[in-house]
C-alpha atoms as a PDB file:
ATOM      1  CA  MET A   1       0.000   0.000   0.000  1.00  0.00           C
ATOM      2  CA  LYS A   2       1.281   3.467  -0.927  1.00  0.00           C
ATOM      3  CA  ILE A   3       0.005   6.513   0.991  1.00  0.00           C
ATOM      4  CA  PHE A   4       0.426  10.274   0.632  1.00  0.00           C
ATOM      5  CA  TYR A   5       0.016  11.930   4.051  1.00  0.00           C
ATOM      6  CA  GLY A   6      -0.513  15.681   4.490  1.00  0.00           C
ATOM      7  CA  VAL A   7      -0.117  17.194   7.961  1.00  0.00           C
ATOM      8  CA  GLN A   8      -0.981  20.691   9.170  1.00  0.00           C
ATOM      9  CA  GLY A   9       2.266  22.054  10.581  1.00  0.00           C
ATOM     10  CA  THR A  10       1.006  25.237  12.243  1.00  0.00           C
ATOM     11  CA  GLY A  11       0.780  23.603  15.665  1.00  0.00           C
ATOM     12  CA  ASN A  12       2.949  20.861  17.122  1.00  0.00           C
ATOM     13  CA  GLY A  13      -0.098  18.738  18.011  1.00  0.00           C
ATOM     14  CA  HIS A  14      -0.759  17.680  14.427  1.00  0.00           C
ATOM     15  CA  ILE A  15       2.901  16.661  14.061  1.00  0.00           C
ATOM     16  CA  THR A  16       2.857  14.739  17.347  1.00  0.00           C
ATOM     17  CA  ARG A  17      -0.182  12.795  16.126  1.00  0.00           C
ATOM     18  CA  ALA A  18       1.502  12.161  12.760  1.00  0.00           C
ATOM     19  CA  ARG A  19       4.567  10.719  14.510  1.00  0.00           C
ATOM     20  CA  GLU A  20       2.433   8.019  16.107  1.00  0.00           C
ATOM     21  CA  MET A  21       0.748   7.276  12.794  1.00  0.00           C
ATOM     22  CA  ALA A  22       4.173   7.149  11.122  1.00  0.00           C
ATOM     23  CA  LYS A  23       5.362   4.503  13.596  1.00  0.00           C
ATOM     24  CA  ALA A  24       2.267   2.358  13.040  1.00  0.00           C
ATOM     25  CA  LEU A  25       2.425   2.717   9.252  1.00  0.00           C
ATOM     26  CA  ALA A  26       6.129   1.830   9.172  1.00  0.00           C
ATOM     27  CA  GLU A  27       5.577  -1.241  11.361  1.00  0.00           C
ATOM     28  CA  ALA A  28       2.846  -2.351   8.936  1.00  0.00           C
ATOM     29  CA  GLY A  29       5.239  -1.985   5.983  1.00  0.00           C
ATOM     30  CA  VAL A  30       3.274   0.835   4.345  1.00  0.00           C
ATOM     31  CA  GLU A  31       5.162   3.186   2.009  1.00  0.00           C
ATOM     32  CA  VAL A  32       4.351   6.798   2.948  1.00  0.00           C
ATOM     33  CA  THR A  33       5.218  10.222   1.509  1.00  0.00           C
ATOM     34  CA  TYR A  34       4.721  13.099   3.967  1.00  0.00           C
ATOM     35  CA  LEU A  35       3.906  16.751   3.299  1.00  0.00           C
ATOM     36  CA  PHE A  36       3.762  19.505   5.929  1.00  0.00           C
ATOM     37  CA  SER A  37       2.467  23.034   5.509  1.00  0.00           C
ATOM     38  CA  GLY A  38       1.702  26.072   7.635  1.00  0.00           C
ATOM     39  CA  ARG A  39       5.123  27.112   8.973  1.00  0.00           C
ATOM     40  CA  ASP A  40       8.579  28.025   7.667  1.00  0.00           C
ATOM     41  CA  ALA A  41      10.642  24.973   6.708  1.00  0.00           C
ATOM     42  CA  ALA A  42      13.446  26.001   9.094  1.00  0.00           C
ATOM     43  CA  LYS A  43      11.082  25.919  12.087  1.00  0.00           C
ATOM     44  CA  TYR A  44      10.287  22.187  11.960  1.00  0.00           C
ATOM     45  CA  PHE A  45      12.279  20.095  14.441  1.00  0.00           C
ATOM     46  CA  ASP A  46      12.731  16.406  15.345  1.00  0.00           C
ATOM     47  CA  MET A  47      11.333  15.283  11.984  1.00  0.00           C
ATOM     48  CA  GLU A  48      13.606  12.298  11.263  1.00  0.00           C
ATOM     49  CA  ILE A  49      10.765   9.777  11.374  1.00  0.00           C
ATOM     50  CA  PHE A  50       9.159  11.329   8.290  1.00  0.00           C
ATOM     51  CA  ASN A  51      11.974  10.327   5.900  1.00  0.00           C
ATOM     52  CA  GLY A  52      12.603  13.282   3.594  1.00  0.00           C
ATOM     53  CA  TYR A  53       9.235  14.992   3.984  1.00  0.00           C
ATOM     54  CA  HIS A  54       7.989  17.760   1.673  1.00  0.00           C
ATOM     55  CA  VAL A  55       7.136  21.297   2.822  1.00  0.00           C
ATOM     56  CA  ARG A  56       4.631  23.704   1.292  1.00  0.00           C
ATOM     57  CA  GLU A  57       3.518  27.174   2.370  1.00  0.00           C
ATOM     58  CA  GLY A  58      -0.157  26.183   2.500  1.00  0.00           C
ATOM     59  CA  LEU A  59      -2.485  28.277   4.647  1.00  0.00           C
ATOM     60  CA  THR A  60      -2.206  29.320   8.248  1.00  0.00           C
ATOM     61  CA  PHE A  61      -3.737  31.654  10.827  1.00  0.00           C
ATOM     62  CA  HIS A  62      -1.997  34.570  12.490  1.00  0.00           C
ATOM     63  CA  THR A  63      -2.326  35.174  16.211  1.00  0.00           C
ATOM     64  CA  GLN A  64      -1.511  38.131  18.422  1.00  0.00           C
ATOM     65  CA  ASN A  65      -1.585  38.149  22.226  1.00  0.00           C
ATOM     66  CA  GLY A  66      -3.804  35.095  22.496  1.00  0.00           C
ATOM     67  CA  ASP A  67      -6.258  36.026  19.751  1.00  0.00           C
ATOM     68  CA  VAL A  68      -6.682  34.931  16.139  1.00  0.00           C
ATOM     69  CA  SER A  69      -6.246  37.939  13.848  1.00  0.00           C
ATOM     70  CA  TYR A  70      -8.519  37.353  10.868  1.00  0.00           C
ATOM     71  CA  LEU A  71      -7.445  40.705   9.374  1.00  0.00           C
ATOM     72  CA  LYS A  72      -3.728  39.817   9.454  1.00  0.00           C
ATOM     73  CA  THR A  73      -4.548  36.320   8.247  1.00  0.00           C
ATOM     74  CA  ALA A  74      -6.383  37.760   5.236  1.00  0.00           C
ATOM     75  CA  CYS A  75      -3.666  40.361   4.539  1.00  0.00           C
ATOM     76  CA  ASP A  76      -0.852  37.802   4.611  1.00  0.00           C
ATOM     77  CA  ALA A  77      -2.675  35.060   2.698  1.00  0.00           C
ATOM     78  CA  ARG A  78      -1.311  34.209  -0.726  1.00  0.00           C
ATOM     79  CA  PRO A  79      -4.230  32.526  -2.475  1.00  0.00           C
ATOM     80  CA  ILE A  80      -2.568  32.423  -5.898  1.00  0.00           C
ATOM     81  CA  ASN A  81       0.436  30.601  -4.454  1.00  0.00           C
ATOM     82  CA  PHE A  82      -1.872  28.206  -2.602  1.00  0.00           C
ATOM     83  CA  VAL A  83      -3.713  27.368  -5.837  1.00  0.00           C
ATOM     84  CA  ARG A  84      -0.365  26.769  -7.541  1.00  0.00           C
ATOM     85  CA  GLU A  85       0.713  24.412  -4.753  1.00  0.00           C
ATOM     86  CA  VAL A  86      -2.541  22.479  -5.014  1.00  0.00           C
ATOM     87  CA  LYS A  87      -2.360  22.149  -8.798  1.00  0.00           C
ATOM     88  CA  ALA A  88       1.317  21.161  -8.726  1.00  0.00           C
ATOM     89  CA  LEU A  89       0.865  18.348  -6.205  1.00  0.00           C
ATOM     90  CA  ASP A  90       1.017  15.021  -8.052  1.00  0.00           C
ATOM     91  CA  LEU A  91      -0.946  12.329  -6.199  1.00  0.00           C
ATOM     92  CA  GLY A  92      -0.800   9.804  -8.993  1.00  0.00           C
ATOM     93  CA  GLY A  93       0.386   6.342  -8.038  1.00  0.00           C
ATOM     94  CA  TYR A  94      -0.893   6.527  -4.471  1.00  0.00           C
ATOM     95  CA  ASP A  95      -3.519   4.109  -3.173  1.00  0.00           C
ATOM     96  CA  LEU A  96      -4.775   6.486  -0.479  1.00  0.00           C
ATOM     97  CA  VAL A  97      -4.396  10.115   0.534  1.00  0.00           C
ATOM     98  CA  LEU A  98      -4.500  11.059   4.234  1.00  0.00           C
ATOM     99  CA  SER A  99      -4.991  14.585   5.532  1.00  0.00           C
ATOM    100  CA  ASP A 100      -4.603  15.759   9.113  1.00  0.00           C
ATOM    101  CA  PHE A 101      -6.370  19.049   8.402  1.00  0.00           C
ATOM    102  CA  GLU A 102      -3.700  19.873   5.796  1.00  0.00           C
ATOM    103  CA  PRO A 103      -5.225  22.007   3.010  1.00  0.00           C
ATOM    104  CA  VAL A 104      -2.840  21.505   0.073  1.00  0.00           C
ATOM    105  CA  THR A 105      -3.176  17.717   0.193  1.00  0.00           C
ATOM    106  CA  ALA A 106      -6.917  17.757   0.891  1.00  0.00           C
ATOM    107  CA  TRP A 107      -7.725  20.153  -1.964  1.00  0.00           C
ATOM    108  CA  ALA A 108      -5.387  18.390  -4.419  1.00  0.00           C
ATOM    109  CA  ALA A 109      -7.112  15.083  -3.635  1.00  0.00           C
ATOM    110  CA  LYS A 110     -10.562  16.645  -3.944  1.00  0.00           C
ATOM    111  CA  LEU A 111      -9.857  18.290  -7.297  1.00  0.00           C
ATOM    112  CA  GLY A 112      -8.057  15.182  -8.577  1.00  0.00           C
ATOM    113  CA  ASN A 113     -10.882  12.885  -7.473  1.00  0.00           C
ATOM    114  CA  LYS A 114      -8.494  10.800  -5.355  1.00  0.00           C
ATOM    115  CA  LYS A 115      -9.573   8.603  -2.439  1.00  0.00           C
ATOM    116  CA  VAL A 116      -8.871  10.765   0.625  1.00  0.00           C
ATOM    117  CA  LEU A 117      -9.354  10.171   4.349  1.00  0.00           C
ATOM    118  CA  GLY A 118      -9.238  12.903   6.986  1.00  0.00           C
ATOM    119  CA  ILE A 119      -7.843  11.909  10.376  1.00  0.00           C
ATOM    120  CA  GLY A 120      -7.741  14.436  13.193  1.00  0.00           C
ATOM    121  CA  HIS A 121      -9.458  16.292  15.982  1.00  0.00           C
ATOM    122  CA  GLN A 122     -11.051  18.903  13.700  1.00  0.00           C
ATOM    123  CA  TYR A 123     -13.102  16.216  11.974  1.00  0.00           C
ATOM    124  CA  ALA A 124     -14.835  15.427  15.282  1.00  0.00           C
ATOM    125  CA  PHE A 125     -16.701  18.715  14.825  1.00  0.00           C
ATOM    126  CA  ASN A 126     -18.630  17.123  11.960  1.00  0.00           C
ATOM    127  CA  HIS A 127     -20.497  15.347  14.771  1.00  0.00           C
ATOM    128  CA  ARG A 128     -22.461  16.448  17.837  1.00  0.00           C
ATOM    129  CA  VAL A 129     -19.606  17.145  20.244  1.00  0.00           C
ATOM    130  CA  PRO A 130     -19.309  20.187  22.569  1.00  0.00           C
ATOM    131  CA  ARG A 131     -19.037  23.244  20.373  1.00  0.00           C
ATOM    132  CA  GLU A 132     -18.766  26.881  21.450  1.00  0.00           C
ATOM    133  CA  GLY A 133     -17.410  30.160  20.125  1.00  0.00           C
ATOM    134  CA  GLY A 134     -18.478  29.581  16.554  1.00  0.00           C
ATOM    135  CA  ASP A 135     -19.300  32.200  13.953  1.00  0.00           C
ATOM    136  CA  VAL A 136     -19.718  32.214  10.185  1.00  0.00           C
ATOM    137  CA  ILE A 137     -15.975  32.501   9.575  1.00  0.00           C
ATOM    138  CA  ALA A 138     -15.088  29.702  12.010  1.00  0.00           C
ATOM    139  CA  ALA A 139     -17.752  27.396  10.561  1.00  0.00           C
ATOM    140  CA  SER A 140     -16.495  28.065   7.044  1.00  0.00           C
ATOM    141  CA  VAL A 141     -12.907  27.296   8.082  1.00  0.00           C
ATOM    142  CA  MET A 142     -13.928  23.950   9.572  1.00  0.00           C
ATOM    143  CA  LYS A 143     -15.872  23.039   6.438  1.00  0.00           C
ATOM    144  CA  TYR A 144     -13.599  24.264   3.651  1.00  0.00           C
ATOM    145  CA  PHE A 145     -10.050  24.480   5.044  1.00  0.00           C
ATOM    146  CA  ALA A 146      -9.155  20.823   4.410  1.00  0.00           C
ATOM    147  CA  PRO A 147     -12.223  19.023   2.984  1.00  0.00           C
ATOM    148  CA  THR A 148     -12.287  15.223   2.807  1.00  0.00           C
ATOM    149  CA  ARG A 149     -14.919  12.774   1.569  1.00  0.00           C
ATOM    150  CA  ARG A 150     -14.392  10.427   4.515  1.00  0.00           C
ATOM    151  CA  ASN A 151     -12.963  11.308   7.888  1.00  0.00           C
ATOM    152  CA  ILE A 152     -12.297   9.967  11.358  1.00  0.00           C
ATOM    153  CA  GLY A 153     -12.719  12.467  14.176  1.00  0.00           C
ATOM    154  CA  LEU A 154     -10.815  12.167  17.455  1.00  0.00           C
ATOM    155  CA  HIS A 155     -11.793  13.428  20.922  1.00  0.00           C
ATOM    156  CA  TRP A 156     -11.260  12.834  24.645  1.00  0.00           C
ATOM    157  CA  HIS A 157     -14.730  11.255  24.967  1.00  0.00           C
ATOM    158  CA  HIS A 158     -17.103   9.747  22.429  1.00  0.00           C
ATOM    159  CA  PHE A 159     -20.133  11.916  23.379  1.00  0.00           C
ATOM    160  CA  GLY A 160     -22.298   9.180  21.817  1.00  0.00           C
ATOM    161  CA  GLN A 161     -20.833   9.887  18.365  1.00  0.00           C
ATOM    162  CA  PRO A 162     -18.903   7.738  15.819  1.00  0.00           C
ATOM    163  CA  ILE A 163     -15.482   9.133  16.695  1.00  0.00           C
ATOM    164  CA  LEU A 164     -12.320   7.608  18.203  1.00  0.00           C
ATOM    165  CA  PRO A 165     -10.027   8.423  21.152  1.00  0.00           C
ATOM    166  CA  PRO A 166      -6.886  10.545  20.645  1.00  0.00           C
ATOM    167  CA  ILE A 167      -3.847   9.260  18.775  1.00  0.00           C
ATOM    168  CA  ILE A 168      -1.077   9.493  21.359  1.00  0.00           C
ATOM    169  CA  ALA A 169       1.984   7.473  22.316  1.00  0.00           C
ATOM    170  CA  PRO A 170       1.243   4.792  24.898  1.00  0.00           C
ATOM    171  CA  HIS A 171       2.886   5.893  28.169  1.00  0.00           C
ATOM    172  CA  GLU A 172       2.988   4.385  31.600  1.00  0.00           C
ATOM    173  CA  PRO A 173       2.218   7.095  34.183  1.00  0.00           C
ATOM    174  CA  PRO A 174       5.317   8.117  36.176  1.00  0.00           C
ATOM    175  CA  GLN A 175       5.867   6.435  39.506  1.00  0.00           C
ATOM    176  CA  GLN A 176       6.724   9.785  41.054  1.00  0.00           C
ATOM    177  CA  SER A 177       6.198  13.410  40.041  1.00  0.00           C
ATOM    178  CA  ALA A 178       7.674  16.663  41.308  1.00  0.00           C
ATOM    179  CA  ALA A 179       4.808  18.160  43.310  1.00  0.00           C
ATOM    180  CA  ASN A 180       5.691  21.796  42.555  1.00  0.00           C
ATOM    181  CA  LYS A 181       6.892  21.420  38.946  1.00  0.00           C
ATOM    182  CA  ILE A 182       4.604  22.977  36.333  1.00  0.00           C
ATOM    183  CA  VAL A 183       5.065  22.893  32.545  1.00  0.00           C
ATOM    184  CA  VAL A 184       3.843  26.049  30.782  1.00  0.00           C
ATOM    185  CA  TYR A 185       3.218  26.136  27.045  1.00  0.00           C
ATOM    186  CA  LEU A 186       1.373  29.242  25.850  1.00  0.00           C
ATOM    187  CA  PRO A 187       2.906  29.881  22.399  1.00  0.00           C
ATOM    188  CA  PHE A 188       0.136  32.261  21.295  1.00  0.00           C
ATOM    189  CA  GLU A 189       0.619  34.600  24.255  1.00  0.00           C
ATOM    190  CA  ASN A 190       3.212  37.310  24.751  1.00  0.00           C
ATOM    191  CA  PRO A 191       5.975  35.491  26.713  1.00  0.00           C
ATOM    192  CA  THR A 192       6.780  38.625  28.710  1.00  0.00           C
ATOM    193  CA  ASP A 193       3.165  38.720  29.917  1.00  0.00           C
ATOM    194  CA  VAL A 194       3.373  35.038  30.860  1.00  0.00           C
ATOM    195  CA  VAL A 195       6.592  35.545  32.837  1.00  0.00           C
ATOM    196  CA  ARG A 196       5.061  38.511  34.667  1.00  0.00           C
ATOM    197  CA  LEU A 197       2.024  36.361  35.513  1.00  0.00           C
ATOM    198  CA  LEU A 198       4.140  33.555  36.998  1.00  0.00           C
ATOM    199  CA  MET A 199       6.582  35.687  38.988  1.00  0.00           C
ATOM    200  CA  PRO A 200       4.559  35.812  42.260  1.00  0.00           C
ATOM    201  CA  PHE A 201       4.289  32.015  42.583  1.00  0.00           C
ATOM    202  CA  LYS A 202       7.771  31.401  43.969  1.00  0.00           C
ATOM    203  CA  ALA A 203       6.821  28.140  45.713  1.00  0.00           C
ATOM    204  CA  PHE A 204       6.514  26.479  42.283  1.00  0.00           C
ATOM    205  CA  ASP A 205       9.043  25.692  39.562  1.00  0.00           C
ATOM    206  CA  PHE A 206       7.785  26.627  36.098  1.00  0.00           C
ATOM    207  CA  MET A 207       9.226  25.146  32.901  1.00  0.00           C
ATOM    208  CA  LEU A 208       8.179  27.752  30.324  1.00  0.00           C
ATOM    209  CA  TYR A 209       8.522  26.525  26.736  1.00  0.00           C
ATOM    210  CA  THR A 210       8.325  29.279  24.162  1.00  0.00           C
ATOM    211  CA  PRO A 211       9.406  29.885  20.553  1.00  0.00           C
ATOM    212  CA  ALA A 212      10.646  33.340  21.605  1.00  0.00           C
ATOM    213  CA  ALA A 213      14.216  33.655  22.873  1.00  0.00           C
ATOM    214  CA  ILE A 214      13.955  35.408  26.238  1.00  0.00           C
ATOM    215  CA  ALA A 215      16.077  35.125  29.355  1.00  0.00           C
ATOM    216  CA  SER A 216      14.949  33.261  32.458  1.00  0.00           C
ATOM    217  CA  PRO A 217      14.050  36.089  34.869  1.00  0.00           C
ATOM    218  CA  SER A 218      14.077  34.137  38.120  1.00  0.00           C
ATOM    219  CA  ALA A 219      15.262  30.843  39.577  1.00  0.00           C
ATOM    220  CA  HIS A 220      11.705  29.503  39.752  1.00  0.00           C
ATOM    221  CA  ILE A 221      10.957  30.216  36.047  1.00  0.00           C
ATOM    222  CA  GLN A 222      13.099  28.357  33.521  1.00  0.00           C
ATOM    223  CA  VAL A 223      12.550  29.585  29.953  1.00  0.00           C
ATOM    224  CA  LYS A 224      13.302  26.807  27.482  1.00  0.00           C
ATOM    225  CA  PRO A 225      13.380  26.602  23.663  1.00  0.00           C
ATOM    226  CA  LEU A 226      10.998  24.257  21.892  1.00  0.00           C
ATOM    227  CA  SER A 227      12.363  20.717  22.068  1.00  0.00           C
ATOM    228  CA  ARG A 228      10.393  17.530  21.702  1.00  0.00           C
ATOM    229  CA  GLU A 229      12.655  15.456  23.954  1.00  0.00           C
ATOM    230  CA  GLY A 230      13.126  18.130  26.610  1.00  0.00           C
ATOM    231  CA  PHE A 231       9.445  18.965  26.680  1.00  0.00           C
ATOM    232  CA  HIS A 232       8.370  15.343  27.089  1.00  0.00           C
ATOM    233  CA  ASN A 233      10.933  14.762  29.841  1.00  0.00           C
ATOM    234  CA  ASP A 234       9.507  17.710  31.775  1.00  0.00           C
ATOM    235  CA  LEU A 235       5.923  16.702  31.013  1.00  0.00           C
ATOM    236  CA  HIS A 236       6.554  13.194  32.322  1.00  0.00           C
ATOM    237  CA  ASP A 237       7.504  14.187  35.866  1.00  0.00           C
ATOM    238  CA  CYS A 238       5.657  17.482  36.345  1.00  0.00           C
ATOM    239  CA  ALA A 239       2.572  17.957  38.514  1.00  0.00           C
ATOM    240  CA  GLY A 240       0.542  19.793  35.895  1.00  0.00           C
ATOM    241  CA  ILE A 241       0.414  21.906  32.757  1.00  0.00           C
ATOM    242  CA  ILE A 242      -0.737  25.414  31.917  1.00  0.00           C
ATOM    243  CA  SER A 243      -1.372  25.619  28.192  1.00  0.00           C
ATOM    244  CA  ASN A 244      -3.566  26.847  25.409  1.00  0.00           C
ATOM    245  CA  ALA A 245      -6.423  24.503  24.548  1.00  0.00           C
ATOM    246  CA  GLY A 246      -4.697  22.485  21.862  1.00  0.00           C
ATOM    247  CA  PHE A 247      -6.004  18.947  21.608  1.00  0.00           C
ATOM    248  CA  GLU A 248      -2.855  16.837  21.508  1.00  0.00           C
ATOM    249  CA  LEU A 249      -1.009  18.249  24.524  1.00  0.00           C
ATOM    250  CA  VAL A 250      -4.105  17.982  26.707  1.00  0.00           C
ATOM    251  CA  SER A 251      -4.520  14.378  25.507  1.00  0.00           C
ATOM    252  CA  GLU A 252      -0.965  13.531  26.590  1.00  0.00           C
ATOM    253  CA  ALA A 253      -1.445  15.258  29.935  1.00  0.00           C
ATOM    254  CA  LEU A 254      -4.634  13.287  30.549  1.00  0.00           C
ATOM    255  CA  GLN A 255      -2.921  10.001  29.789  1.00  0.00           C
ATOM    256  CA  LEU A 256      -0.083  10.878  32.193  1.00  0.00           C
ATOM    257  CA  GLY A 257      -2.529  11.972  34.907  1.00  0.00           C
ATOM    258  CA  LYS A 258      -1.429  15.632  35.094  1.00  0.00           C
ATOM    259  CA  LYS A 259      -3.384  18.580  36.447  1.00  0.00           C
ATOM    260  CA  ILE A 260      -4.575  20.771  33.572  1.00  0.00           C
ATOM    261  CA  LEU A 261      -5.274  24.496  33.317  1.00  0.00           C
ATOM    262  CA  ILE A 262      -6.031  25.776  29.821  1.00  0.00           C
ATOM    263  CA  LYS A 263      -6.447  29.209  28.312  1.00  0.00           C
ATOM    264  CA  PRO A 264      -8.229  28.836  24.941  1.00  0.00           C
ATOM    265  CA  LEU A 265      -7.127  30.966  22.014  1.00  0.00           C
ATOM    266  CA  HIS A 266      -9.695  33.715  21.474  1.00  0.00           C
ATOM    267  CA  SER A 267     -11.809  33.577  18.296  1.00  0.00           C
ATOM    268  CA  GLN A 268     -10.692  29.999  17.616  1.00  0.00           C
ATOM    269  CA  LEU A 269     -13.651  27.638  17.520  1.00  0.00           C
ATOM    270  CA  GLU A 270     -11.616  24.485  18.124  1.00  0.00           C
ATOM    271  CA  GLN A 271      -9.867  25.762  21.252  1.00  0.00           C
ATOM    272  CA  ILE A 272     -12.986  27.369  22.744  1.00  0.00           C
ATOM    273  CA  SER A 273     -14.886  24.128  22.109  1.00  0.00           C
ATOM    274  CA  ASN A 274     -12.049  22.104  23.621  1.00  0.00           C
ATOM    275  CA  ALA A 275     -12.337  24.206  26.776  1.00  0.00           C
ATOM    276  CA  ALA A 276     -16.085  23.542  26.888  1.00  0.00           C
ATOM    277  CA  ALA A 277     -15.504  19.792  26.510  1.00  0.00           C
ATOM    278  CA  LEU A 278     -12.808  19.728  29.192  1.00  0.00           C
ATOM    279  CA  LYS A 279     -15.103  21.550  31.593  1.00  0.00           C
ATOM    280  CA  GLN A 280     -18.079  19.296  30.777  1.00  0.00           C
ATOM    281  CA  LEU A 281     -16.006  16.167  31.359  1.00  0.00           C
ATOM    282  CA  GLY A 282     -14.439  17.519  34.563  1.00  0.00           C
ATOM    283  CA  TYR A 283     -10.957  16.821  33.212  1.00  0.00           C
ATOM    284  CA  GLY A 284      -9.393  20.228  33.896  1.00  0.00           C
ATOM    285  CA  ARG A 285      -9.802  23.925  34.678  1.00  0.00           C
ATOM    286  CA  ILE A 286     -10.232  26.864  32.281  1.00  0.00           C
ATOM    287  CA  MET A 287      -9.209  30.514  32.353  1.00  0.00           C
ATOM    288  CA  HIS A 288     -10.299  32.738  29.476  1.00  0.00           C
ATOM    289  CA  GLU A 289      -7.676  35.409  30.187  1.00  0.00           C
ATOM    290  CA  LEU A 290      -4.217  35.300  31.758  1.00  0.00           C
ATOM    291  CA  ASP A 291      -5.572  35.316  35.294  1.00  0.00           C
ATOM    292  CA  ALA A 292      -3.352  35.176  38.399  1.00  0.00           C
ATOM    293  CA  LYS A 293      -6.296  34.304  40.673  1.00  0.00           C
ATOM    294  CA  ALA A 294      -7.280  31.356  38.477  1.00  0.00           C
ATOM    295  CA  ILE A 295      -3.683  30.097  38.513  1.00  0.00           C
ATOM    296  CA  ALA A 296      -3.415  30.458  42.300  1.00  0.00           C
ATOM    297  CA  HIS A 297      -6.613  28.482  42.853  1.00  0.00           C
ATOM    298  CA  TRP A 298      -5.555  25.767  40.393  1.00  0.00           C
ATOM    299  CA  LEU A 299      -2.062  25.411  41.870  1.00  0.00           C
ATOM    300  CA  GLU A 300      -3.514  24.656  45.296  1.00  0.00           C
ATOM    301  CA  ASN A 301      -6.153  22.199  44.015  1.00  0.00           C
ATOM    302  CA  PRO A 302      -4.774  18.630  43.860  1.00  0.00           C
ATOM    303  CA  HIS A 303      -7.551  17.171  41.675  1.00  0.00           C
ATOM    304  CA  ARG A 304      -6.425  15.534  38.458  1.00  0.00           C
ATOM    305  CA  VAL A 305      -7.683  12.886  36.063  1.00  0.00           C
ATOM    306  CA  ARG A 306      -5.828   9.997  34.435  1.00  0.00           C
ATOM    307  CA  VAL A 307      -7.337   8.614  31.237  1.00  0.00           C
ATOM    308  CA  THR A 308      -5.914   5.459  29.696  1.00  0.00           C
ATOM    309  CA  TYR A 309      -6.318   5.449  25.911  1.00  0.00           C
ATOM    310  CA  PRO A 310      -5.602   2.535  23.529  1.00  0.00           C
ATOM    311  CA  ASN A 311      -3.125   2.611  20.630  1.00  0.00           C
ATOM    312  CA  VAL A 312      -5.511   4.275  18.175  1.00  0.00           C
ATOM    313  CA  ALA A 313      -2.812   4.581  15.496  1.00  0.00           C
ATOM    314  CA  ASN A 314      -2.576   0.783  15.303  1.00  0.00           C
ATOM    315  CA  ILE A 315      -6.381   0.484  15.233  1.00  0.00           C
ATOM    316  CA  LEU A 316      -6.588   2.894  12.290  1.00  0.00           C
ATOM    317  CA  VAL A 317      -3.754   1.322  10.317  1.00  0.00           C
ATOM    318  CA  ARG A 318      -5.298  -2.142  10.625  1.00  0.00           C
ATOM    319  CA  TRP A 319      -8.636  -0.670   9.501  1.00  0.00           C
ATOM    320  CA  MET A 320      -7.027   1.005   6.469  1.00  0.00           C
ATOM    321  CA  LEU A 321      -5.208  -2.171   5.444  1.00  0.00           C
ATOM    322  CA  ASN A 322      -8.526  -4.016   5.757  1.00  0.00           C
ATOM    323  CA  GLY A 323     -10.018  -1.800   3.051  1.00  0.00           C
ATOM    324  CA  MET A 324     -11.576   0.896   5.291  1.00  0.00           C
ATOM    325  CA  PRO A 325     -14.969  -0.802   5.805  1.00  0.00           C
ATOM    326  CA  PRO A 326     -17.898   1.338   7.011  1.00  0.00           C
ATOM    327  CA  VAL A 327     -17.437   2.709  10.524  1.00  0.00           C
ATOM    328  CA  ASP A 328     -20.064   0.898  12.586  1.00  0.00           C
ATOM    329  CA  GLU A 329     -20.935   0.605  16.277  1.00  0.00           C
ATOM    330  CA  ASP A 330     -18.694  -2.404  16.806  1.00  0.00           C
ATOM    331  CA  PHE A 331     -15.647  -0.575  15.413  1.00  0.00           C
ATOM    332  CA  ILE A 332     -16.224   2.486  17.592  1.00  0.00           C
ATOM    333  CA  GLU A 333     -17.010   0.410  20.681  1.00  0.00           C
ATOM    334  CA  ALA A 334     -13.787  -1.579  20.219  1.00  0.00           C
ATOM    335  CA  GLY A 335     -11.816   1.634  20.594  1.00  0.00           C
ATOM    336  CA  TRP A 336     -13.680   3.138  23.538  1.00  0.00           C
ATOM    337  CA  SER A 337     -14.032  -0.112  25.484  1.00  0.00           C
ATOM    338  CA  GLN A 338     -10.300   0.125  26.255  1.00  0.00           C
ATOM    339  CA  VAL A 339     -10.554   3.610  27.792  1.00  0.00           C
ATOM    340  CA  ASN A 340     -10.332   3.910  31.573  1.00  0.00           C
ATOM    341  CA  VAL A 341     -10.898   7.138  33.556  1.00  0.00           C
ATOM    342  CA  LEU A 342      -9.451   7.487  37.052  1.00  0.00           C
ATOM    343  CA  GLN A 343     -10.142  10.472  39.343  1.00  0.00           C
ATOM    344  CA  LEU A 344      -7.138  11.379  41.510  1.00  0.00           C
ATOM    345  CA  ASN A 345      -6.841  13.786  44.433  1.00  0.00           C
ATOM    346  CA  ASP A 346      -3.335  13.273  45.756  1.00  0.00           C
END
């Protein structure tokens, strides 16, 4: 089987999910060509598993101080270049096209009448899952950004819908965690504002990961560059995370049993809806602004949730190799029957 796999590269969550799919596809002996779009080629890191991947400009959204800027997004968009990238993408000779909300691949497959499957969190919003913060623009983005004829949506809970659990690496929860160690990942916020927010909480050690190069201002705030290995090492033994409401990082934190405090990106339907789902499930806390009082309350609250998820990447690869039969109740139940939720208060 020969697959062309397009991955949205704007956020690291899509790439993290693709890494797990890449492992499962390689173990199954599937030949895969990867394409990433949405960020500068020089800003991808730890990409060895994708074996000479392709990069395109694609489409992306611009953010400023925790808010999506539709005006800047529109001003910086290059639609003519995007059309050229779509038309130039040759998908001939591939048995299947996969898209993790990647627009160049999805549109090239659609216009070329190729068999295409969407796999990702965004496709869960085709079903009746918690949804807030929507408007005409957001709804249009979800529908037309990376259209696919068939898709598999992923979420933290099934909500009675034909979707699957998250695609994340299987991890055993740590035997011991540092009670006062907190990982902070707020890439859409001004890092200076984040540092100022954390300064008063000197009883805690914050590992602040940011794409911006700024100095660590205090012994209890370590500012670190983006690094997959370093980040996961800190995530493994921390007590909790403070992050935007991206799907993949929250999924990993849930599987490791970490406390979660999220600040959804303003004007972004997916993140606002993720916050609503997290609150509904009781899996974490939400702050809608950078709020010192919310952080103080969360730091002192020991409640956390550990959710054990199955190896969904392997489930999907076996399903694809079996000819992608219709998604029925038995298929969905097989995935969710392996999920276990444990409430912790230590």
